[in-house]
């Protein structure tokens, strides 16, 4: 099976294994107490969850596309986005290489 279809990354078993730590941390953010701990000290929380320095850097930079390439599941990466106050359109436009303004302009023309 291809791991890229039409420019989109396919969430394969290999990608799932690669992103295990990142996805586990993202899933933990469904608990309000964990979100509060993450928001209080992102680096400390991520280190406590066993993320690598590269994974921590992706989250710190809000590199949504990089997190997906690292094996993050879009359904779980959205948990991180929500915890830092970013919306699904913000994640999607970043991943597509657009600004939010460019995205809205394209939708207005359609």
PDB file of N, CA and C in Angstrom:
ATOM      1  N   UNK A   1       0.840  -1.187   0.000  1.00  0.00           N
ATOM      2  CA  UNK A   1       0.000   0.000   0.000  1.00  0.00           C
ATOM      3  C   UNK A   1       0.879   1.242   0.000  1.00  0.00           C
ATOM      4  N   UNK A   2       0.488   2.229  -0.765  1.00  0.00           N
ATOM      5  CA  UNK A   2       1.208   3.492  -0.786  1.00  0.00           C
ATOM      6  C   UNK A   2       1.052   4.188   0.555  1.00  0.00           C
ATOM      7  N   UNK A   3       2.115   4.911   0.962  1.00  0.00           N
ATOM      8  CA  UNK A   3       1.973   5.655   2.213  1.00  0.00           C
ATOM      9  C   UNK A   3       1.680   7.129   1.965  1.00  0.00           C
ATOM     10  N   UNK A   4       1.565   7.503   0.676  1.00  0.00           N
ATOM     11  CA  UNK A   4       1.132   8.848   0.311  1.00  0.00           C
ATOM     12  C   UNK A   4       0.162   8.695  -0.861  1.00  0.00           C
ATOM     13  N   UNK A   5      -1.025   9.241  -0.705  1.00  0.00           N
ATOM     14  CA  UNK A   5      -2.025   9.198  -1.772  1.00  0.00           C
ATOM     15  C   UNK A   5      -2.478  10.623  -2.029  1.00  0.00           C
ATOM     16  N   UNK A   6      -2.308  11.071  -3.244  1.00  0.00           N
ATOM     17  CA  UNK A   6      -2.734  12.423  -3.606  1.00  0.00           C
ATOM     18  C   UNK A   6      -2.109  13.495  -2.732  1.00  0.00           C
ATOM     19  N   UNK A   7      -0.879  13.277  -2.297  1.00  0.00           N
ATOM     20  CA  UNK A   7      -0.181  14.248  -1.460  1.00  0.00           C
ATOM     21  C   UNK A   7      -0.493  14.131   0.017  1.00  0.00           C
ATOM     22  N   UNK A   8      -1.448  13.276   0.390  1.00  0.00           N
ATOM     23  CA  UNK A   8      -1.822  13.109   1.800  1.00  0.00           C
ATOM     24  C   UNK A   8      -1.130  11.875   2.370  1.00  0.00           C
ATOM     25  N   UNK A   9      -0.620  12.013   3.587  1.00  0.00           N
ATOM     26  CA  UNK A   9       0.010  10.881   4.256  1.00  0.00           C
ATOM     27  C   UNK A   9      -1.049   9.881   4.687  1.00  0.00           C
ATOM     28  N   UNK A  10      -0.788   8.607   4.437  1.00  0.00           N
ATOM     29  CA  UNK A  10      -1.681   7.544   4.867  1.00  0.00           C
ATOM     30  C   UNK A  10      -1.197   7.055   6.226  1.00  0.00           C
ATOM     31  N   UNK A  11      -2.103   6.917   7.167  1.00  0.00           N
ATOM     32  CA  UNK A  11      -1.750   6.468   8.512  1.00  0.00           C
ATOM     33  C   UNK A  11      -1.624   4.951   8.498  1.00  0.00           C
ATOM     34  N   UNK A  12      -0.430   4.479   8.219  1.00  0.00           N
ATOM     35  CA  UNK A  12      -0.141   3.051   8.112  1.00  0.00           C
ATOM     36  C   UNK A  12       0.267   2.487   9.471  1.00  0.00           C
ATOM     37  N   UNK A  13       0.386   1.174   9.545  1.00  0.00           N
ATOM     38  CA  UNK A  13       0.875   0.536  10.763  1.00  0.00           C
ATOM     39  C   UNK A  13       2.267   1.019  11.124  1.00  0.00           C
ATOM     40  N   UNK A  14       3.130   1.149  10.130  1.00  0.00           N
ATOM     41  CA  UNK A  14       4.493   1.634  10.386  1.00  0.00           C
ATOM     42  C   UNK A  14       4.468   3.060  10.924  1.00  0.00           C
ATOM     43  N   UNK A  15       3.636   3.892  10.337  1.00  0.00           N
ATOM     44  CA  UNK A  15       3.534   5.272  10.805  1.00  0.00           C
ATOM     45  C   UNK A  15       2.948   5.301  12.225  1.00  0.00           C
ATOM     46  N   UNK A  16       2.023   4.427  12.505  1.00  0.00           N
ATOM     47  CA  UNK A  16       1.435   4.346  13.847  1.00  0.00           C
ATOM     48  C   UNK A  16       2.500   3.989  14.885  1.00  0.00           C
ATOM     49  N   UNK A  17       3.336   3.013  14.575  1.00  0.00           N
ATOM     50  CA  UNK A  17       4.412   2.635  15.499  1.00  0.00           C
ATOM     51  C   UNK A  17       5.390   3.785  15.694  1.00  0.00           C
ATOM     52  N   UNK A  18       5.701   4.476  14.607  1.00  0.00           N
ATOM     53  CA  UNK A  18       6.624   5.607  14.670  1.00  0.00           C
ATOM     54  C   UNK A  18       6.072   6.712  15.564  1.00  0.00           C
ATOM     55  N   UNK A  19       4.779   6.944  15.511  1.00  0.00           N
ATOM     56  CA  UNK A  19       4.172   8.044  16.250  1.00  0.00           C
ATOM     57  C   UNK A  19       3.581   7.650  17.589  1.00  0.00           C
ATOM     58  N   UNK A  20       3.904   6.456  18.081  1.00  0.00           N
ATOM     59  CA  UNK A  20       3.271   5.953  19.301  1.00  0.00           C
ATOM     60  C   UNK A  20       3.349   6.943  20.466  1.00  0.00           C
ATOM     61  N   UNK A  21       4.541   7.452  20.775  1.00  0.00           N
ATOM     62  CA  UNK A  21       4.701   8.356  21.927  1.00  0.00           C
ATOM     63  C   UNK A  21       3.884   9.634  21.736  1.00  0.00           C
ATOM     64  N   UNK A  22       3.977  10.197  20.547  1.00  0.00           N
ATOM     65  CA  UNK A  22       3.255  11.431  20.243  1.00  0.00           C
ATOM     66  C   UNK A  22       1.742  11.222  20.355  1.00  0.00           C
ATOM     67  N   UNK A  23       1.256  10.124  19.806  1.00  0.00           N
ATOM     68  CA  UNK A  23      -0.180   9.827  19.853  1.00  0.00           C
ATOM     69  C   UNK A  23      -0.649   9.523  21.273  1.00  0.00           C
ATOM     70  N   UNK A  24       0.179   8.816  22.034  1.00  0.00           N
ATOM     71  CA  UNK A  24      -0.170   8.515  23.426  1.00  0.00           C
ATOM     72  C   UNK A  24      -0.290   9.808  24.229  1.00  0.00           C
ATOM     73  N   UNK A  25       0.661  10.722  24.030  1.00  0.00           N
ATOM     74  CA  UNK A  25       0.611  12.002  24.734  1.00  0.00           C
ATOM     75  C   UNK A  25      -0.626  12.787  24.318  1.00  0.00           C
ATOM     76  N   UNK A  26      -0.910  12.820  23.019  1.00  0.00           N
ATOM     77  CA  UNK A  26      -2.079  13.548  22.521  1.00  0.00           C
ATOM     78  C   UNK A  26      -3.362  12.972  23.106  1.00  0.00           C
ATOM     79  N   UNK A  27      -3.466  11.660  23.164  1.00  0.00           N
ATOM     80  CA  UNK A  27      -4.657  11.014  23.717  1.00  0.00           C
ATOM     81  C   UNK A  27      -4.828  11.356  25.194  1.00  0.00           C
ATOM     82  N   UNK A  28      -3.717  11.515  25.901  1.00  0.00           N
ATOM     83  CA  UNK A  28      -3.800  11.832  27.327  1.00  0.00           C
ATOM     84  C   UNK A  28      -4.452  13.192  27.560  1.00  0.00           C
ATOM     85  N   UNK A  29      -4.434  14.044  26.541  1.00  0.00           N
ATOM     86  CA  UNK A  29      -4.996  15.391  26.679  1.00  0.00           C
ATOM     87  C   UNK A  29      -6.524  15.408  26.654  1.00  0.00           C
ATOM     88  N   UNK A  30      -7.139  14.253  26.513  1.00  0.00           N
ATOM     89  CA  UNK A  30      -8.599  14.192  26.603  1.00  0.00           C
ATOM     90  C   UNK A  30      -9.064  14.318  28.057  1.00  0.00           C
ATOM     91  N   UNK A  31      -8.129  14.196  28.989  1.00  0.00           N
ATOM     92  CA  UNK A  31      -8.431  14.330  30.421  1.00  0.00           C
ATOM     93  C   UNK A  31      -8.111  15.770  30.842  1.00  0.00           C
ATOM     94  N   UNK A  32      -9.083  16.445  31.436  1.00  0.00           N
ATOM     95  CA  UNK A  32      -8.929  17.860  31.800  1.00  0.00           C
ATOM     96  C   UNK A  32      -7.709  18.118  32.675  1.00  0.00           C
ATOM     97  N   UNK A  33      -7.450  17.258  33.647  1.00  0.00           N
ATOM     98  CA  UNK A  33      -6.283  17.434  34.519  1.00  0.00           C
ATOM     99  C   UNK A  33      -4.986  17.394  33.724  1.00  0.00           C
ATOM    100  N   UNK A  34      -4.912  16.487  32.764  1.00  0.00           N
ATOM    101  CA  UNK A  34      -3.709  16.383  31.934  1.00  0.00           C
ATOM    102  C   UNK A  34      -3.536  17.618  31.055  1.00  0.00           C
ATOM    103  N   UNK A  35      -4.649  18.109  30.498  1.00  0.00           N
ATOM    104  CA  UNK A  35      -4.559  19.341  29.693  1.00  0.00           C
ATOM    105  C   UNK A  35      -4.017  20.488  30.531  1.00  0.00           C
ATOM    106  N   UNK A  36      -4.505  20.609  31.759  1.00  0.00           N
ATOM    107  CA  UNK A  36      -4.037  21.680  32.648  1.00  0.00           C
ATOM    108  C   UNK A  36      -2.546  21.531  32.930  1.00  0.00           C
ATOM    109  N   UNK A  37      -2.081  20.309  33.175  1.00  0.00           N
ATOM    110  CA  UNK A  37      -0.648  20.081  33.414  1.00  0.00           C
ATOM    111  C   UNK A  37       0.165  20.413  32.162  1.00  0.00           C
ATOM    112  N   UNK A  38      -0.342  20.034  30.999  1.00  0.00           N
ATOM    113  CA  UNK A  38       0.332  20.327  29.737  1.00  0.00           C
ATOM    114  C   UNK A  38       0.412  21.837  29.524  1.00  0.00           C
ATOM    115  N   UNK A  39      -0.681  22.527  29.738  1.00  0.00           N
ATOM    116  CA  UNK A  39      -0.714  23.976  29.535  1.00  0.00           C
ATOM    117  C   UNK A  39       0.181  24.709  30.529  1.00  0.00           C
ATOM    118  N   UNK A  40       0.331  24.161  31.718  1.00  0.00           N
ATOM    119  CA  UNK A  40       1.181  24.792  32.728  1.00  0.00           C
ATOM    120  C   UNK A  40       2.664  24.658  32.388  1.00  0.00           C
ATOM    121  N   UNK A  41       3.050  23.538  31.794  1.00  0.00           N
ATOM    122  CA  UNK A  41       4.457  23.312  31.440  1.00  0.00           C
ATOM    123  C   UNK A  41       4.533  22.260  30.339  1.00  0.00           C
ATOM    124  N   UNK A  42       4.426  22.732  29.106  1.00  0.00           N
ATOM    125  CA  UNK A  42       4.411  21.810  27.969  1.00  0.00           C
ATOM    126  C   UNK A  42       5.633  20.899  27.960  1.00  0.00           C
ATOM    127  N   UNK A  43       6.824  21.500  28.067  1.00  0.00           N
ATOM    128  CA  UNK A  43       8.044  20.694  27.984  1.00  0.00           C
ATOM    129  C   UNK A  43       8.094  19.625  29.068  1.00  0.00           C
ATOM    130  N   UNK A  44       7.788  20.009  30.291  1.00  0.00           N
ATOM    131  CA  UNK A  44       7.812  19.060  31.403  1.00  0.00           C
ATOM    132  C   UNK A  44       6.814  17.927  31.164  1.00  0.00           C
ATOM    133  N   UNK A  45       5.624  18.278  30.709  1.00  0.00           N
ATOM    134  CA  UNK A  45       4.602  17.266  30.456  1.00  0.00           C
ATOM    135  C   UNK A  45       5.050  16.308  29.354  1.00  0.00           C
ATOM    136  N   UNK A  46       5.565  16.856  28.270  1.00  0.00           N
ATOM    137  CA  UNK A  46       5.985  16.006  27.149  1.00  0.00           C
ATOM    138  C   UNK A  46       7.153  15.110  27.533  1.00  0.00           C
ATOM    139  N   UNK A  47       8.103  15.640  28.295  1.00  0.00           N
ATOM    140  CA  UNK A  47       9.214  14.812  28.752  1.00  0.00           C
ATOM    141  C   UNK A  47       8.703  13.677  29.654  1.00  0.00           C
ATOM    142  N   UNK A  48       7.754  14.007  30.524  1.00  0.00           N
ATOM    143  CA  UNK A  48       7.162  12.996  31.396  1.00  0.00           C
ATOM    144  C   UNK A  48       6.436  11.904  30.633  1.00  0.00           C
ATOM    145  N   UNK A  49       5.959  12.240  29.442  1.00  0.00           N
ATOM    146  CA  UNK A  49       5.276  11.259  28.593  1.00  0.00           C
ATOM    147  C   UNK A  49       6.261  10.503  27.696  1.00  0.00           C
ATOM    148  N   UNK A  50       7.543  10.822  27.813  1.00  0.00           N
ATOM    149  CA  UNK A  50       8.571  10.075  27.079  1.00  0.00           C
ATOM    150  C   UNK A  50       8.809  10.515  25.653  1.00  0.00           C
ATOM    151  N   UNK A  51       8.358  11.710  25.263  1.00  0.00           N
ATOM    152  CA  UNK A  51       8.593  12.176  23.904  1.00  0.00           C
ATOM    153  C   UNK A  51      10.081  12.445  23.679  1.00  0.00           C
ATOM    154  N   UNK A  52      10.517  12.240  22.457  1.00  0.00           N
ATOM    155  CA  UNK A  52      11.898  12.551  22.091  1.00  0.00           C
ATOM    156  C   UNK A  52      12.040  14.061  21.929  1.00  0.00           C
ATOM    157  N   UNK A  53      13.275  14.528  21.883  1.00  0.00           N
ATOM    158  CA  UNK A  53      13.510  15.960  21.668  1.00  0.00           C
ATOM    159  C   UNK A  53      12.922  16.409  20.334  1.00  0.00           C
ATOM    160  N   UNK A  54      13.017  15.566  19.305  1.00  0.00           N
ATOM    161  CA  UNK A  54      12.469  15.922  17.988  1.00  0.00           C
ATOM    162  C   UNK A  54      10.944  16.065  18.062  1.00  0.00           C
ATOM    163  N   UNK A  55      10.287  15.163  18.782  1.00  0.00           N
ATOM    164  CA  UNK A  55       8.829  15.234  18.927  1.00  0.00           C
ATOM    165  C   UNK A  55       8.424  16.470  19.735  1.00  0.00           C
ATOM    166  N   UNK A  56       9.162  16.749  20.793  1.00  0.00           N
ATOM    167  CA  UNK A  56       8.893  17.941  21.603  1.00  0.00           C
ATOM    168  C   UNK A  56       9.028  19.189  20.753  1.00  0.00           C
ATOM    169  N   UNK A  57      10.042  19.218  19.912  1.00  0.00           N
ATOM    170  CA  UNK A  57      10.262  20.377  19.045  1.00  0.00           C
ATOM    171  C   UNK A  57       9.099  20.567  18.073  1.00  0.00           C
ATOM    172  N   UNK A  58       8.575  19.487  17.513  1.00  0.00           N
ATOM    173  CA  UNK A  58       7.432  19.586  16.598  1.00  0.00           C
ATOM    174  C   UNK A  58       6.234  20.204  17.301  1.00  0.00           C
ATOM    175  N   UNK A  59       5.956  19.746  18.514  1.00  0.00           N
ATOM    176  CA  UNK A  59       4.814  20.279  19.265  1.00  0.00           C
ATOM    177  C   UNK A  59       5.081  21.732  19.639  1.00  0.00           C
ATOM    178  N   UNK A  60       6.269  22.023  20.105  1.00  0.00           N
ATOM    179  CA  UNK A  60       6.615  23.388  20.523  1.00  0.00           C
ATOM    180  C   UNK A  60       6.429  24.372  19.358  1.00  0.00           C
ATOM    181  N   UNK A  61       6.806  23.955  18.150  1.00  0.00           N
ATOM    182  CA  UNK A  61       6.703  24.827  16.975  1.00  0.00           C
ATOM    183  C   UNK A  61       5.322  24.779  16.327  1.00  0.00           C
ATOM    184  N   UNK A  62       4.431  23.937  16.883  1.00  0.00           N
ATOM    185  CA  UNK A  62       3.085  23.762  16.310  1.00  0.00           C
ATOM    186  C   UNK A  62       3.190  23.347  14.848  1.00  0.00           C
ATOM    187  N   UNK A  63       4.123  22.426  14.583  1.00  0.00           N
ATOM    188  CA  UNK A  63       4.355  21.925  13.226  1.00  0.00           C
ATOM    189  C   UNK A  63       3.433  20.729  12.996  1.00  0.00           C
ATOM    190  N   UNK A  64       2.185  21.036  12.682  1.00  0.00           N
ATOM    191  CA  UNK A  64       1.164  20.002  12.528  1.00  0.00           C
ATOM    192  C   UNK A  64       1.524  19.028  11.415  1.00  0.00           C
ATOM    193  N   UNK A  65       2.001  19.542  10.304  1.00  0.00           N
ATOM    194  CA  UNK A  65       2.375  18.672   9.186  1.00  0.00           C
ATOM    195  C   UNK A  65       3.540  17.772   9.586  1.00  0.00           C
ATOM    196  N   UNK A  66       4.486  18.325  10.326  1.00  0.00           N
ATOM    197  CA  UNK A  66       5.609  17.531  10.814  1.00  0.00           C
ATOM    198  C   UNK A  66       5.158  16.433  11.771  1.00  0.00           C
ATOM    199  N   UNK A  67       4.175  16.748  12.621  1.00  0.00           N
ATOM    200  CA  UNK A  67       3.655  15.732  13.550  1.00  0.00           C
ATOM    201  C   UNK A  67       2.997  14.594  12.781  1.00  0.00           C
ATOM    202  N   UNK A  68       2.276  14.929  11.716  1.00  0.00           N
ATOM    203  CA  UNK A  68       1.659  13.889  10.890  1.00  0.00           C
ATOM    204  C   UNK A  68       2.726  13.035  10.224  1.00  0.00           C
ATOM    205  N   UNK A  69       3.769  13.668   9.717  1.00  0.00           N
ATOM    206  CA  UNK A  69       4.863  12.932   9.079  1.00  0.00           C
ATOM    207  C   UNK A  69       5.599  12.051  10.090  1.00  0.00           C
ATOM    208  N   UNK A  70       5.593  12.472  11.341  1.00  0.00           N
ATOM    209  CA  UNK A  70       6.254  11.722  12.421  1.00  0.00           C
ATOM    210  C   UNK A  70       5.400  10.544  12.894  1.00  0.00           C
ATOM    211  N   UNK A  71       4.210  10.405  12.343  1.00  0.00           N
ATOM    212  CA  UNK A  71       3.352   9.284  12.712  1.00  0.00           C
ATOM    213  C   UNK A  71       2.161   9.676  13.558  1.00  0.00           C
ATOM    214  N   UNK A  72       1.933  10.964  13.685  1.00  0.00           N
ATOM    215  CA  UNK A  72       0.778  11.421  14.451  1.00  0.00           C
ATOM    216  C   UNK A  72      -0.514  11.158  13.694  1.00  0.00           C
ATOM    217  N   UNK A  73      -1.514  10.711  14.407  1.00  0.00           N
ATOM    218  CA  UNK A  73      -2.848  10.528  13.838  1.00  0.00           C
ATOM    219  C   UNK A  73      -3.549  11.884  13.862  1.00  0.00           C
ATOM    220  N   UNK A  74      -4.148  12.287  12.756  1.00  0.00           N
ATOM    221  CA  UNK A  74      -4.828  13.581  12.702  1.00  0.00           C
ATOM    222  C   UNK A  74      -5.888  13.669  13.795  1.00  0.00           C
ATOM    223  N   UNK A  75      -6.533  12.561  14.110  1.00  0.00           N
ATOM    224  CA  UNK A  75      -7.578  12.564  15.138  1.00  0.00           C
ATOM    225  C   UNK A  75      -7.009  12.855  16.520  1.00  0.00           C
ATOM    226  N   UNK A  76      -5.737  12.516  16.726  1.00  0.00           N
ATOM    227  CA  UNK A  76      -5.096  12.777  18.014  1.00  0.00           C
ATOM    228  C   UNK A  76      -4.336  14.097  18.010  1.00  0.00           C
ATOM    229  N   UNK A  77      -3.749  14.457  16.888  1.00  0.00           N
ATOM    230  CA  UNK A  77      -3.041  15.737  16.795  1.00  0.00           C
ATOM    231  C   UNK A  77      -4.012  16.880  17.086  1.00  0.00           C
ATOM    232  N   UNK A  78      -5.256  16.703  16.701  1.00  0.00           N
ATOM    233  CA  UNK A  78      -6.277  17.716  16.986  1.00  0.00           C
ATOM    234  C   UNK A  78      -6.436  17.923  18.499  1.00  0.00           C
ATOM    235  N   UNK A  79      -6.166  16.886  19.289  1.00  0.00           N
ATOM    236  CA  UNK A  79      -6.230  17.037  20.758  1.00  0.00           C
ATOM    237  C   UNK A  79      -5.165  18.015  21.235  1.00  0.00           C
ATOM    238  N   UNK A  80      -3.983  17.943  20.635  1.00  0.00           N
ATOM    239  CA  UNK A  80      -2.906  18.882  20.986  1.00  0.00           C
ATOM    240  C   UNK A  80      -3.316  20.283  20.557  1.00  0.00           C
ATOM    241  N   UNK A  81      -3.834  20.391  19.340  1.00  0.00           N
ATOM    242  CA  UNK A  81      -4.256  21.699  18.829  1.00  0.00           C
ATOM    243  C   UNK A  81      -5.280  22.335  19.760  1.00  0.00           C
ATOM    244  N   UNK A  82      -6.263  21.569  20.168  1.00  0.00           N
ATOM    245  CA  UNK A  82      -7.286  22.092  21.063  1.00  0.00           C
ATOM    246  C   UNK A  82      -6.708  22.549  22.392  1.00  0.00           C
ATOM    247  N   UNK A  83      -5.728  21.820  22.889  1.00  0.00           N
ATOM    248  CA  UNK A  83      -5.112  22.166  24.173  1.00  0.00           C
ATOM    249  C   UNK A  83      -4.315  23.466  24.097  1.00  0.00           C
ATOM    250  N   UNK A  84      -3.870  23.821  22.883  1.00  0.00           N
ATOM    251  CA  UNK A  84      -3.093  25.065  22.723  1.00  0.00           C
ATOM    252  C   UNK A  84      -3.912  26.166  22.060  1.00  0.00           C
ATOM    253  N   UNK A  85      -5.229  25.929  21.920  1.00  0.00           N
ATOM    254  CA  UNK A  85      -6.116  26.968  21.412  1.00  0.00           C
ATOM    255  C   UNK A  85      -6.136  27.137  19.905  1.00  0.00           C
ATOM    256  N   UNK A  86      -5.759  26.082  19.165  1.00  0.00           N
ATOM    257  CA  UNK A  86      -5.819  26.158  17.707  1.00  0.00           C
ATOM    258  C   UNK A  86      -6.951  25.283  17.194  1.00  0.00           C
ATOM    259  N   UNK A  87      -7.548  25.726  16.106  1.00  0.00           N
ATOM    260  CA  UNK A  87      -8.711  25.050  15.543  1.00  0.00           C
ATOM    261  C   UNK A  87      -8.324  24.078  14.429  1.00  0.00           C
ATOM    262  N   UNK A  88      -9.273  23.237  14.058  1.00  0.00           N
ATOM    263  CA  UNK A  88      -9.071  22.318  12.942  1.00  0.00           C
ATOM    264  C   UNK A  88      -8.703  23.067  11.657  1.00  0.00           C
ATOM    265  N   UNK A  89      -9.395  24.169  11.302  1.00  0.00           N
ATOM    266  CA  UNK A  89      -8.977  24.898  10.095  1.00  0.00           C
ATOM    267  C   UNK A  89      -7.538  25.420  10.178  1.00  0.00           C
ATOM    268  N   UNK A  90      -7.093  25.837  11.358  1.00  0.00           N
ATOM    269  CA  UNK A  90      -5.715  26.299  11.498  1.00  0.00           C
ATOM    270  C   UNK A  90      -4.727  25.159  11.261  1.00  0.00           C
ATOM    271  N   UNK A  91      -5.033  23.982  11.780  1.00  0.00           N
ATOM    272  CA  UNK A  91      -4.172  22.819  11.566  1.00  0.00           C
ATOM    273  C   UNK A  91      -4.178  22.442  10.089  1.00  0.00           C
ATOM    274  N   UNK A  92      -5.367  22.388   9.492  1.00  0.00           N
ATOM    275  CA  UNK A  92      -5.486  21.990   8.089  1.00  0.00           C
ATOM    276  C   UNK A  92      -4.792  22.939   7.138  1.00  0.00           C
ATOM    277  N   UNK A  93      -4.941  24.236   7.374  1.00  0.00           N
ATOM    278  CA  UNK A  93      -4.291  25.189   6.471  1.00  0.00           C
ATOM    279  C   UNK A  93      -2.778  25.130   6.601  1.00  0.00           C
ATOM    280  N   UNK A  94      -2.279  24.963   7.815  1.00  0.00           N
ATOM    281  CA  UNK A  94      -0.827  24.822   7.999  1.00  0.00           C
ATOM    282  C   UNK A  94      -0.325  23.592   7.253  1.00  0.00           C
ATOM    283  N   UNK A  95      -1.051  22.490   7.390  1.00  0.00           N
ATOM    284  CA  UNK A  95      -0.647  21.245   6.739  1.00  0.00           C
ATOM    285  C   UNK A  95      -0.679  21.353   5.216  1.00  0.00           C
ATOM    286  N   UNK A  96      -1.577  22.199   4.707  1.00  0.00           N
ATOM    287  CA  UNK A  96      -1.686  22.404   3.255  1.00  0.00           C
ATOM    288  C   UNK A  96      -0.743  23.488   2.751  1.00  0.00           C
ATOM    289  N   UNK A  97      -0.024  24.139   3.657  1.00  0.00           N
ATOM    290  CA  UNK A  97       0.895  25.199   3.241  1.00  0.00           C
ATOM    291  C   UNK A  97       0.202  26.519   2.948  1.00  0.00           C
ATOM    292  N   UNK A  98      -0.959  26.723   3.558  1.00  0.00           N
ATOM    293  CA  UNK A  98      -1.723  27.952   3.355  1.00  0.00           C
ATOM    294  C   UNK A  98      -1.822  28.720   4.667  1.00  0.00           C
ATOM    295  N   UNK A  99      -2.118  30.010   4.552  1.00  0.00           N
ATOM    296  CA  UNK A  99      -2.501  30.763   5.734  1.00  0.00           C
ATOM    297  C   UNK A  99      -4.007  30.609   5.893  1.00  0.00           C
ATOM    298  N   UNK A 100      -4.498  30.920   7.057  1.00  0.00           N
ATOM    299  CA  UNK A 100      -5.943  30.847   7.289  1.00  0.00           C
ATOM    300  C   UNK A 100      -6.676  31.819   6.367  1.00  0.00           C
ATOM    301  N   UNK A 101      -6.080  32.968   6.121  1.00  0.00           N
ATOM    302  CA  UNK A 101      -6.680  33.961   5.229  1.00  0.00           C
ATOM    303  C   UNK A 101      -6.767  33.426   3.799  1.00  0.00           C
ATOM    304  N   UNK A 102      -5.704  32.758   3.335  1.00  0.00           N
ATOM    305  CA  UNK A 102      -5.723  32.170   1.990  1.00  0.00           C
ATOM    306  C   UNK A 102      -6.804  31.102   1.878  1.00  0.00           C
ATOM    307  N   UNK A 103      -6.943  30.306   2.918  1.00  0.00           N
ATOM    308  CA  UNK A 103      -7.969  29.266   2.945  1.00  0.00           C
ATOM    309  C   UNK A 103      -9.361  29.873   2.822  1.00  0.00           C
ATOM    310  N   UNK A 104      -9.626  30.904   3.623  1.00  0.00           N
ATOM    311  CA  UNK A 104     -10.954  31.535   3.581  1.00  0.00           C
ATOM    312  C   UNK A 104     -11.196  32.225   2.240  1.00  0.00           C
ATOM    313  N   UNK A 105     -10.163  32.802   1.648  1.00  0.00           N
ATOM    314  CA  UNK A 105     -10.312  33.445   0.334  1.00  0.00           C
ATOM    315  C   UNK A 105     -10.668  32.405  -0.727  1.00  0.00           C
ATOM    316  N   UNK A 106     -10.024  31.232  -0.679  1.00  0.00           N
ATOM    317  CA  UNK A 106     -10.331  30.161  -1.637  1.00  0.00           C
ATOM    318  C   UNK A 106     -11.770  29.682  -1.471  1.00  0.00           C
ATOM    319  N   UNK A 107     -12.225  29.545  -0.245  1.00  0.00           N
ATOM    320  CA  UNK A 107     -13.598  29.099   0.002  1.00  0.00           C
ATOM    321  C   UNK A 107     -14.604  30.124  -0.486  1.00  0.00           C
ATOM    322  N   UNK A 108     -14.275  31.405  -0.366  1.00  0.00           N
ATOM    323  CA  UNK A 108     -15.183  32.465  -0.805  1.00  0.00           C
ATOM    324  C   UNK A 108     -15.340  32.460  -2.324  1.00  0.00           C
ATOM    325  N   UNK A 109     -14.279  32.072  -3.034  1.00  0.00           N
ATOM    326  CA  UNK A 109     -14.329  32.023  -4.504  1.00  0.00           C
ATOM    327  C   UNK A 109     -15.074  30.786  -5.012  1.00  0.00           C
ATOM    328  N   UNK A 110     -15.155  29.767  -4.195  1.00  0.00           N
ATOM    329  CA  UNK A 110     -15.752  28.494  -4.654  1.00  0.00           C
ATOM    330  C   UNK A 110     -17.263  28.555  -4.747  1.00  0.00           C
TER     331      UNK A 110
END
